C-alpha atoms as a PDB file:
ATOM      1  CA  MET A   1     -25.763  11.059-102.210  1.00  0.00           C
ATOM      2  CA  GLN A   2     -27.728  10.034 -98.843  1.00  0.00           C
ATOM      3  CA  THR A   3     -30.523   8.626-100.597  1.00  0.00           C
ATOM      4  CA  ALA A   4     -28.478   6.784-102.849  1.00  0.00           C
ATOM      5  CA  ALA A   5     -26.429   5.441 -99.994  1.00  0.00           C
ATOM      6  CA  LEU A   6     -29.797   4.437 -97.904  1.00  0.00           C
ATOM      7  CA  GLU A   7     -30.837   2.684-101.032  1.00  0.00           C
ATOM      8  CA  GLN A   8     -27.629   0.491-101.211  1.00  0.00           C
ATOM      9  CA  LEU A   9     -27.764  -0.342 -97.552  1.00  0.00           C
ATOM     10  CA  GLY A  10     -31.203  -1.296 -98.186  1.00  0.00           C
ATOM     11  CA  LEU A  11     -32.472   0.682 -95.776  1.00  0.00           C
ATOM     12  CA  THR A  12     -35.672   1.519 -98.081  1.00  0.00           C
ATOM     13  CA  ASP A  13     -37.886   2.926 -95.088  1.00  0.00           C
ATOM     14  CA  TRP A  14     -36.031   5.569 -94.515  1.00  0.00           C
ATOM     15  CA  THR A  15     -35.975   8.915 -96.568  1.00  0.00           C
ATOM     16  CA  TYR A  16     -33.767  12.012 -97.041  1.00  0.00           C
ATOM     17  CA  GLU A  17     -35.454  14.965 -97.098  1.00  0.00           C
ATOM     18  CA  ALA A  18     -34.787  18.834 -97.615  1.00  0.00           C
ATOM     19  CA  ILE A  19     -36.377  21.086 -95.242  1.00  0.00           C
ATOM     20  CA  GLU A  20     -36.164  25.357 -95.509  1.00  0.00           C
ATOM     21  CA  VAL A  21     -36.543  27.248 -92.268  1.00  0.00           C
ATOM     22  CA  ALA A  22     -36.169  30.345 -90.985  1.00  0.00           C
ATOM     23  CA  PRO A  23     -33.789  31.088 -88.280  1.00  0.00           C
ATOM     24  CA  GLY A  24     -36.421  32.308 -85.996  1.00  0.00           C
ATOM     25  CA  ASP A  25     -38.881  29.012 -86.537  1.00  0.00           C
ATOM     26  CA  PHE A  26     -35.293  26.405 -86.450  1.00  0.00           C
ATOM     27  CA  GLY A  27     -35.552  25.699 -82.917  1.00  0.00           C
ATOM     28  CA  GLU A  28     -39.540  24.805 -82.727  1.00  0.00           C
ATOM     29  CA  LEU A  29     -38.927  22.891 -85.775  1.00  0.00           C
ATOM     30  CA  VAL A  30     -36.182  20.846 -84.807  1.00  0.00           C
ATOM     31  CA  ARG A  31     -37.639  20.392 -81.311  1.00  0.00           C
ATOM     32  CA  SER A  32     -40.842  18.509 -83.399  1.00  0.00           C
ATOM     33  CA  LEU A  33     -38.677  16.205 -85.445  1.00  0.00           C
ATOM     34  CA  PRO A  34     -37.928  13.501 -82.990  1.00  0.00           C
ATOM     35  CA  GLY A  35     -42.039  13.073 -82.729  1.00  0.00           C
ATOM     36  CA  GLU A  36     -42.251  13.018 -86.526  1.00  0.00           C
ATOM     37  CA  GLY A  37     -40.132   9.872 -86.845  1.00  0.00           C
ATOM     38  CA  PHE A  38     -36.729  11.730 -87.482  1.00  0.00           C
ATOM     39  CA  ALA A  39     -33.634   9.878 -87.014  1.00  0.00           C
ATOM     40  CA  GLY A  40     -31.404  13.157 -87.403  1.00  0.00           C
ATOM     41  CA  VAL A  41     -30.841  16.156 -89.382  1.00  0.00           C
ATOM     42  CA  ASN A  42     -28.543  17.853 -91.101  1.00  0.00           C
ATOM     43  CA  VAL A  43     -27.790  21.505 -90.768  1.00  0.00           C
ATOM     44  CA  THR A  44     -26.392  23.987 -92.958  1.00  0.00           C
ATOM     45  CA  VAL A  45     -25.975  27.624 -92.137  1.00  0.00           C
ATOM     46  CA  PRO A  46     -27.306  30.121 -91.066  1.00  0.00           C
ATOM     47  CA  HIS A  47     -28.311  27.334 -88.372  1.00  0.00           C
ATOM     48  CA  LYS A  48     -25.148  25.649 -86.960  1.00  0.00           C
ATOM     49  CA  LEU A  49     -24.801  27.851 -84.171  1.00  0.00           C
ATOM     50  CA  THR A  50     -28.299  27.472 -82.895  1.00  0.00           C
ATOM     51  CA  ALA A  51     -28.063  24.063 -83.753  1.00  0.00           C
ATOM     52  CA  LEU A  52     -25.210  23.656 -81.063  1.00  0.00           C
ATOM     53  CA  ALA A  53     -27.229  25.540 -78.299  1.00  0.00           C
ATOM     54  CA  LEU A  54     -30.441  23.840 -78.400  1.00  0.00           C
ATOM     55  CA  ALA A  55     -29.025  20.229 -78.146  1.00  0.00           C
ATOM     56  CA  ASP A  56     -29.074  18.791 -74.976  1.00  0.00           C
ATOM     57  CA  SER A  57     -25.373  17.110 -75.175  1.00  0.00           C
ATOM     58  CA  ALA A  58     -23.313  17.750 -77.633  1.00  0.00           C
ATOM     59  CA  SER A  59     -19.787  15.352 -79.029  1.00  0.00           C
ATOM     60  CA  GLU A  60     -16.038  16.876 -78.467  1.00  0.00           C
ATOM     61  CA  ALA A  61     -15.964  17.884 -82.038  1.00  0.00           C
ATOM     62  CA  ALA A  62     -18.968  19.827 -81.722  1.00  0.00           C
ATOM     63  CA  ARG A  63     -17.848  21.849 -78.643  1.00  0.00           C
ATOM     64  CA  GLY A  64     -14.369  22.374 -80.022  1.00  0.00           C
ATOM     65  CA  ILE A  65     -15.703  23.835 -83.342  1.00  0.00           C
ATOM     66  CA  GLY A  66     -18.443  25.658 -81.546  1.00  0.00           C
ATOM     67  CA  ALA A  67     -21.148  24.673 -84.327  1.00  0.00           C
ATOM     68  CA  ALA A  68     -23.171  21.539 -85.484  1.00  0.00           C
ATOM     69  CA  ASN A  69     -23.910  20.592 -88.738  1.00  0.00           C
ATOM     70  CA  THR A  70     -25.342  16.806 -88.130  1.00  0.00           C
ATOM     71  CA  LEU A  71     -28.121  16.570 -84.827  1.00  0.00           C
ATOM     72  CA  SER A  72     -29.527  12.777 -84.139  1.00  0.00           C
ATOM     73  CA  PHE A  73     -32.772  12.566 -81.940  1.00  0.00           C
ATOM     74  CA  ALA A  74     -32.937   9.744 -78.829  1.00  0.00           C
ATOM     75  CA  GLY A  75     -36.258   9.905 -77.667  1.00  0.00           C
ATOM     76  CA  SER A  76     -36.711  13.676 -76.902  1.00  0.00           C
ATOM     77  CA  GLN A  77     -33.433  14.377 -76.500  1.00  0.00           C
ATOM     78  CA  ILE A  78     -30.933  15.982 -79.347  1.00  0.00           C
ATOM     79  CA  ARG A  79     -27.362  15.116 -79.470  1.00  0.00           C
ATOM     80  CA  ALA A  80     -25.106  17.958 -81.524  1.00  0.00           C
ATOM     81  CA  GLU A  81     -22.023  16.340 -83.578  1.00  0.00           C
ATOM     82  CA  ASN A  82     -19.838  18.100 -86.243  1.00  0.00           C
ATOM     83  CA  THR A  83     -18.711  15.874 -89.374  1.00  0.00           C
ATOM     84  CA  ASP A  84     -16.942  18.820 -91.171  1.00  0.00           C
ATOM     85  CA  GLY A  85     -13.840  18.114 -89.607  1.00  0.00           C
ATOM     86  CA  VAL A  86     -14.025  14.181 -89.730  1.00  0.00           C
ATOM     87  CA  GLY A  87     -14.967  14.625 -93.735  1.00  0.00           C
ATOM     88  CA  LEU A  88     -11.752  16.445 -93.879  1.00  0.00           C
ATOM     89  CA  ILE A  89      -9.426  14.115 -91.857  1.00  0.00           C
ATOM     90  CA  GLU A  90     -11.066  11.044 -93.591  1.00  0.00           C
ATOM     91  CA  ALA A  91     -10.773  12.499 -97.453  1.00  0.00           C
ATOM     92  CA  LEU A  92      -6.906  13.051 -96.555  1.00  0.00           C
ATOM     93  CA  PRO A  93      -4.700  10.568 -98.476  1.00  0.00           C
ATOM     94  CA  GLU A  94      -2.164  10.347 -95.945  1.00  0.00           C
ATOM     95  CA  PRO A  95      -2.490  10.945 -91.891  1.00  0.00           C
ATOM     96  CA  ALA A  96      -2.152  14.632 -90.998  1.00  0.00           C
ATOM     97  CA  ASN A  97      -0.263  13.737 -87.675  1.00  0.00           C
ATOM     98  CA  GLY A  98       3.097  15.672 -87.475  1.00  0.00           C
ATOM     99  CA  ARG A  99       2.335  17.624 -90.780  1.00  0.00           C
ATOM    100  CA  ARG A 100       2.533  21.396 -90.960  1.00  0.00           C
ATOM    101  CA  ALA A 101      -0.969  22.433 -91.965  1.00  0.00           C
ATOM    102  CA  LEU A 102      -1.859  25.762 -93.291  1.00  0.00           C
ATOM    103  CA  VAL A 103      -5.821  26.848 -93.105  1.00  0.00           C
ATOM    104  CA  LEU A 104      -6.687  29.578 -95.428  1.00  0.00           C
ATOM    105  CA  GLY A 105     -10.070  31.209 -93.944  1.00  0.00           C
ATOM    106  CA  ALA A 106     -11.580  32.232 -91.162  1.00  0.00           C
ATOM    107  CA  GLY A 107     -15.188  31.015 -91.320  1.00  0.00           C
ATOM    108  CA  GLY A 108     -17.004  28.039 -90.205  1.00  0.00           C
ATOM    109  CA  ALA A 109     -15.283  25.711 -92.342  1.00  0.00           C
ATOM    110  CA  ALA A 110     -12.053  26.746 -91.580  1.00  0.00           C
ATOM    111  CA  ARG A 111     -12.770  26.810 -87.685  1.00  0.00           C
ATOM    112  CA  ALA A 112     -13.671  23.041 -88.263  1.00  0.00           C
ATOM    113  CA  CYS A 113     -10.704  21.937 -90.595  1.00  0.00           C
ATOM    114  CA  ALA A 114      -7.747  23.628 -87.952  1.00  0.00           C
ATOM    115  CA  TRP A 115      -9.695  22.030 -84.659  1.00  0.00           C
ATOM    116  CA  ALA A 116      -9.738  18.860 -86.735  1.00  0.00           C
ATOM    117  CA  LEU A 117      -6.036  18.911 -87.812  1.00  0.00           C
ATOM    118  CA  LEU A 118      -5.311  19.926 -84.502  1.00  0.00           C
ATOM    119  CA  ALA A 119      -6.926  17.036 -83.028  1.00  0.00           C
ATOM    120  CA  ALA A 120      -4.946  14.917 -85.543  1.00  0.00           C
ATOM    121  CA  GLY A 121      -1.568  15.486 -84.313  1.00  0.00           C
ATOM    122  CA  ALA A 122      -1.165  18.125 -87.442  1.00  0.00           C
ATOM    123  CA  GLU A 123       1.241  21.294 -86.582  1.00  0.00           C
ATOM    124  CA  VAL A 124      -1.700  24.300 -87.450  1.00  0.00           C
ATOM    125  CA  SER A 125      -1.638  27.692 -88.871  1.00  0.00           C
ATOM    126  CA  LEU A 126      -4.374  30.101 -90.128  1.00  0.00           C
ATOM    127  CA  TRP A 127      -4.242  32.470 -92.936  1.00  0.00           C
ATOM    128  CA  ASN A 128      -7.330  35.455 -93.310  1.00  0.00           C
ATOM    129  CA  ARG A 129      -7.112  38.473 -95.172  1.00  0.00           C
ATOM    130  CA  THR A 130      -8.806  40.276 -92.019  1.00  0.00           C
ATOM    131  CA  PRO A 131      -5.636  39.714 -89.417  1.00  0.00           C
ATOM    132  CA  ALA A 132      -8.101  40.658 -86.774  1.00  0.00           C
ATOM    133  CA  ARG A 133     -10.540  37.686 -87.510  1.00  0.00           C
ATOM    134  CA  ALA A 134      -7.901  35.386 -88.007  1.00  0.00           C
ATOM    135  CA  GLU A 135      -6.241  36.217 -84.817  1.00  0.00           C
ATOM    136  CA  GLU A 136      -9.365  36.127 -82.920  1.00  0.00           C
ATOM    137  CA  VAL A 137     -10.060  32.757 -84.382  1.00  0.00           C
ATOM    138  CA  ALA A 138      -6.826  31.125 -84.125  1.00  0.00           C
ATOM    139  CA  ALA A 139      -6.899  32.186 -80.371  1.00  0.00           C
ATOM    140  CA  GLU A 140      -9.822  30.303 -79.327  1.00  0.00           C
ATOM    141  CA  LEU A 141      -8.913  27.084 -80.931  1.00  0.00           C
ATOM    142  CA  SER A 142      -5.269  27.585 -80.179  1.00  0.00           C
ATOM    143  CA  VAL A 143      -3.431  27.707 -83.549  1.00  0.00           C
ATOM    144  CA  ALA A 144      -0.935  29.923 -84.790  1.00  0.00           C
ATOM    145  CA  LYS A 145      -1.970  33.053 -86.982  1.00  0.00           C
ATOM    146  CA  ILE A 146       0.155  34.149 -89.388  1.00  0.00           C
ATOM    147  CA  GLU A 147      -0.071  37.367 -91.402  1.00  0.00           C
ATOM    148  CA  ARG A 148       2.796  36.688 -94.209  1.00  0.00           C
ATOM    149  CA  VAL A 149       2.497  33.385 -95.697  1.00  0.00           C
ATOM    150  CA  GLU A 150       5.635  31.044 -96.711  1.00  0.00           C
ATOM    151  CA  THR A 151       3.827  28.232 -98.744  1.00  0.00           C
ATOM    152  CA  GLY A 152       7.101  26.031 -98.540  1.00  0.00           C
ATOM    153  CA  GLU A 153       7.070  25.569 -95.198  1.00  0.00           C
ATOM    154  CA  PHE A 154       3.982  23.565 -94.791  1.00  0.00           C
ATOM    155  CA  GLU A 155       2.846  20.732 -95.997  1.00  0.00           C
ATOM    156  CA  LEU A 156      -1.009  20.345 -95.934  1.00  0.00           C
ATOM    157  CA  LEU A 157      -2.432  23.571 -97.580  1.00  0.00           C
ATOM    158  CA  ILE A 158      -6.069  23.967 -96.819  1.00  0.00           C
ATOM    159  CA  ASN A 159      -8.643  26.613 -99.067  1.00  0.00           C
ATOM    160  CA  CYS A 160     -11.740  27.193 -96.793  1.00  0.00           C
ATOM    161  CA  THR A 161     -12.017  30.579 -98.705  1.00  0.00           C
ATOM    162  CA  THR A 162     -14.647  30.995-101.486  1.00  0.00           C
ATOM    163  CA  VAL A 163     -11.845  31.692-103.886  1.00  0.00           C
ATOM    164  CA  GLY A 164     -11.722  30.002-106.753  1.00  0.00           C
ATOM    165  CA  LEU A 165     -16.004  29.379-106.557  1.00  0.00           C
ATOM    166  CA  GLU A 166     -16.652  31.105-109.508  1.00  0.00           C
ATOM    167  CA  GLN A 167     -13.632  29.934-111.538  1.00  0.00           C
ATOM    168  CA  ALA A 168     -15.022  26.325-110.836  1.00  0.00           C
ATOM    169  CA  ASN A 169     -18.481  26.666-112.017  1.00  0.00           C
ATOM    170  CA  ARG A 170     -17.285  28.718-115.466  1.00  0.00           C
ATOM    171  CA  ALA A 171     -16.228  27.175-118.994  1.00  0.00           C
ATOM    172  CA  GLU A 172     -12.987  28.592-118.739  1.00  0.00           C
ATOM    173  CA  PRO A 173     -10.938  30.530-116.319  1.00  0.00           C
ATOM    174  CA  SER A 174     -10.454  33.653-116.575  1.00  0.00           C
ATOM    175  CA  GLU A 175      -8.234  34.567-113.842  1.00  0.00           C
ATOM    176  CA  PRO A 176      -4.709  33.775-112.401  1.00  0.00           C
ATOM    177  CA  ALA A 177      -4.948  30.646-110.535  1.00  0.00           C
ATOM    178  CA  LEU A 178      -4.316  31.652-106.712  1.00  0.00           C
ATOM    179  CA  LYS A 179      -5.396  35.217-107.399  1.00  0.00           C
ATOM    180  CA  GLY A 180      -7.087  36.431-103.662  1.00  0.00           C
ATOM    181  CA  LEU A 181      -4.447  33.669-102.127  1.00  0.00           C
ATOM    182  CA  PRO A 182      -1.689  34.090-100.502  1.00  0.00           C
ATOM    183  CA  LEU A 183       0.182  31.141-101.585  1.00  0.00           C
ATOM    184  CA  ASP A 184       3.452  31.000-104.233  1.00  0.00           C
ATOM    185  CA  ALA A 185       3.008  28.839-107.304  1.00  0.00           C
ATOM    186  CA  ASP A 186       6.446  28.149-107.732  1.00  0.00           C
ATOM    187  CA  SER A 187       6.805  26.708-104.199  1.00  0.00           C
ATOM    188  CA  ILE A 188       3.623  23.659-104.713  1.00  0.00           C
ATOM    189  CA  SER A 189       5.409  20.848-105.241  1.00  0.00           C
ATOM    190  CA  GLU A 190       4.892  16.808-105.184  1.00  0.00           C
ATOM    191  CA  ARG A 191       5.446  17.035-101.028  1.00  0.00           C
ATOM    192  CA  HIS A 192       2.400  19.355-100.777  1.00  0.00           C
ATOM    193  CA  ILE A 193      -1.475  17.733 -99.920  1.00  0.00           C
ATOM    194  CA  VAL A 194      -3.651  20.304-101.053  1.00  0.00           C
ATOM    195  CA  VAL A 195      -6.842  20.666-100.388  1.00  0.00           C
ATOM    196  CA  ASP A 196      -9.646  22.947-101.914  1.00  0.00           C
ATOM    197  CA  LEU A 197     -13.336  23.191-100.031  1.00  0.00           C
ATOM    198  CA  VAL A 198     -14.701  24.827-103.064  1.00  0.00           C
ATOM    199  CA  TYR A 199     -15.953  22.390-106.037  1.00  0.00           C
ATOM    200  CA  GLY A 200     -17.772  22.695-109.221  1.00  0.00           C
ATOM    201  CA  PRO A 201     -18.468  21.425-112.613  1.00  0.00           C
ATOM    202  CA  ARG A 202     -14.716  21.887-113.076  1.00  0.00           C
ATOM    203  CA  PRO A 203     -11.828  22.063-111.025  1.00  0.00           C
ATOM    204  CA  THR A 204     -11.052  25.143-109.046  1.00  0.00           C
ATOM    205  CA  PRO A 205      -7.553  27.024-110.110  1.00  0.00           C
ATOM    206  CA  LEU A 206      -5.748  26.374-107.089  1.00  0.00           C
ATOM    207  CA  VAL A 207      -6.817  21.847-107.676  1.00  0.00           C
ATOM    208  CA  ALA A 208      -5.806  22.193-111.460  1.00  0.00           C
ATOM    209  CA  LEU A 209      -2.742  24.025-110.691  1.00  0.00           C
ATOM    210  CA  ALA A 210      -1.659  21.883-107.552  1.00  0.00           C
ATOM    211  CA  GLY A 211      -2.358  18.583-109.752  1.00  0.00           C
ATOM    212  CA  GLY A 212      -0.379  19.747-112.410  1.00  0.00           C
ATOM    213  CA  LYS A 213       2.768  20.305-110.173  1.00  0.00           C
ATOM    214  CA  GLY A 214       2.414  16.785-108.661  1.00  0.00           C
ATOM    215  CA  ALA A 215       0.760  17.748-105.658  1.00  0.00           C
ATOM    216  CA  SER A 216      -1.667  15.578-104.022  1.00  0.00           C
ATOM    217  CA  VAL A 217      -5.122  17.149-104.399  1.00  0.00           C
ATOM    218  CA  VAL A 218      -8.648  16.935-102.768  1.00  0.00           C
ATOM    219  CA  ASP A 219     -11.361  18.754-104.036  1.00  0.00           C
ATOM    220  CA  GLY A 220     -14.577  20.152-101.642  1.00  0.00           C
ATOM    221  CA  LEU A 221     -16.698  17.187-103.388  1.00  0.00           C
ATOM    222  CA  GLU A 222     -14.684  14.539-101.547  1.00  0.00           C
ATOM    223  CA  ILE A 223     -15.061  16.740 -98.628  1.00  0.00           C
ATOM    224  CA  LEU A 224     -19.054  16.690 -98.565  1.00  0.00           C
ATOM    225  CA  VAL A 225     -19.036  12.970 -99.416  1.00  0.00           C
ATOM    226  CA  ARG A 226     -17.098  11.966 -96.172  1.00  0.00           C
ATOM    227  CA  GLN A 227     -18.889  14.420 -93.755  1.00  0.00           C
ATOM    228  CA  GLY A 228     -22.059  13.347 -95.461  1.00  0.00           C
ATOM    229  CA  ALA A 229     -21.105   9.412 -94.975  1.00  0.00           C
ATOM    230  CA  ALA A 230     -20.108  10.445 -91.178  1.00  0.00           C
ATOM    231  CA  SER A 231     -23.703  11.821 -90.670  1.00  0.00           C
ATOM    232  CA  LEU A 232     -25.541   8.434 -91.830  1.00  0.00           C
ATOM    233  CA  ARG A 233     -23.257   6.563 -89.642  1.00  0.00           C
ATOM    234  CA  ILE A 234     -24.452   8.520 -86.833  1.00  0.00           C
ATOM    235  CA  TRP A 235     -28.204   7.873 -87.803  1.00  0.00           C
ATOM    236  CA  THR A 236     -28.324   4.064 -88.860  1.00  0.00           C
ATOM    237  CA  GLY A 237     -25.128   2.457 -87.304  1.00  0.00           C
ATOM    238  CA  ARG A 238     -24.406   1.587 -90.527  1.00  0.00           C
ATOM    239  CA  GLU A 239     -21.554   2.150 -93.024  1.00  0.00           C
ATOM    240  CA  PRO A 240     -22.301   3.380 -95.870  1.00  0.00           C
ATOM    241  CA  SER A 241     -20.137   2.867 -99.546  1.00  0.00           C
ATOM    242  CA  ILE A 242     -18.282   5.642-100.089  1.00  0.00           C
ATOM    243  CA  GLU A 243     -18.193   5.125-104.147  1.00  0.00           C
ATOM    244  CA  THR A 244     -21.944   5.079-104.156  1.00  0.00           C
ATOM    245  CA  MET A 245     -22.457   8.393-102.415  1.00  0.00           C
ATOM    246  CA  ARG A 246     -19.087   9.718-104.667  1.00  0.00           C
ATOM    247  CA  ASN A 247     -20.877   8.493-107.893  1.00  0.00           C
ATOM    248  CA  ALA A 248     -24.288  10.097-106.839  1.00  0.00           C
ATOM    249  CA  ALA A 249     -22.632  13.430-106.123  1.00  0.00           C
ATOM    250  CA  ARG A 250     -20.583  13.395-108.526  1.00  0.00           C
ATOM    251  CA  GLU A 251     -23.453  12.824-111.218  1.00  0.00           C
ATOM    252  CA  GLN A 252     -25.332  16.018-109.272  1.00  0.00           C
ATOM    253  CA  ARG A 253     -22.363  18.137-109.925  1.00  0.00           C
ATOM    254  CA  HIS A 254     -22.402  17.995-113.529  1.00  0.00           C
ATOM    255  CA  ARG A 255     -26.566  18.337-114.060  1.00  0.00           C
END
């Protein structure tokens, strides 16, 4: 999708490539990239914490989330950014401000979503299968931790767990839609916005169920596209075509 966006922008001398690197070699590799003509990089697990630590400066989002998924280079200086939260906020069909949001999970994606929703003016609660982990992350981000979920109390439901991943990659579902999630299917309705960071060739059980009940749904592919576009904006100073990136990502998903 990044390559498609660069072509659409006419930046034919730019390339986007994958680089596999072991954790022990990450710092040395990144520090060498500015001298090789790189404008920046996207960073994925397990390097996001290290990326923030080695940067010379960091955005408010990267500091608040505690991880970086995007680095940009200016001379020998490295700046850390995190566009995961921006990806969520820009993908929502309506503003998050003033809404009650439930974030499911306590990993890096959940941290990014909770931080971004709070910054956007939402009232955020966090749930995780392991209550102690939920309490730890909630305290760091200054959001509420809950153990018992009343689905009807929230307008935004954000699944940041891996529940549904296997189902999204199967031809036919084989388990109940909400197995593993503390949500009441009967309470999901058209008043909800349901986001599932999981994506695959078919809709996740949560997305399929919520869509069937009239809720507004956003899948993980849209989040991926939006955060990728935010990274491209940082590197190029240009506005990429969301439609071009979305189409390229969808085509890749179905290969």
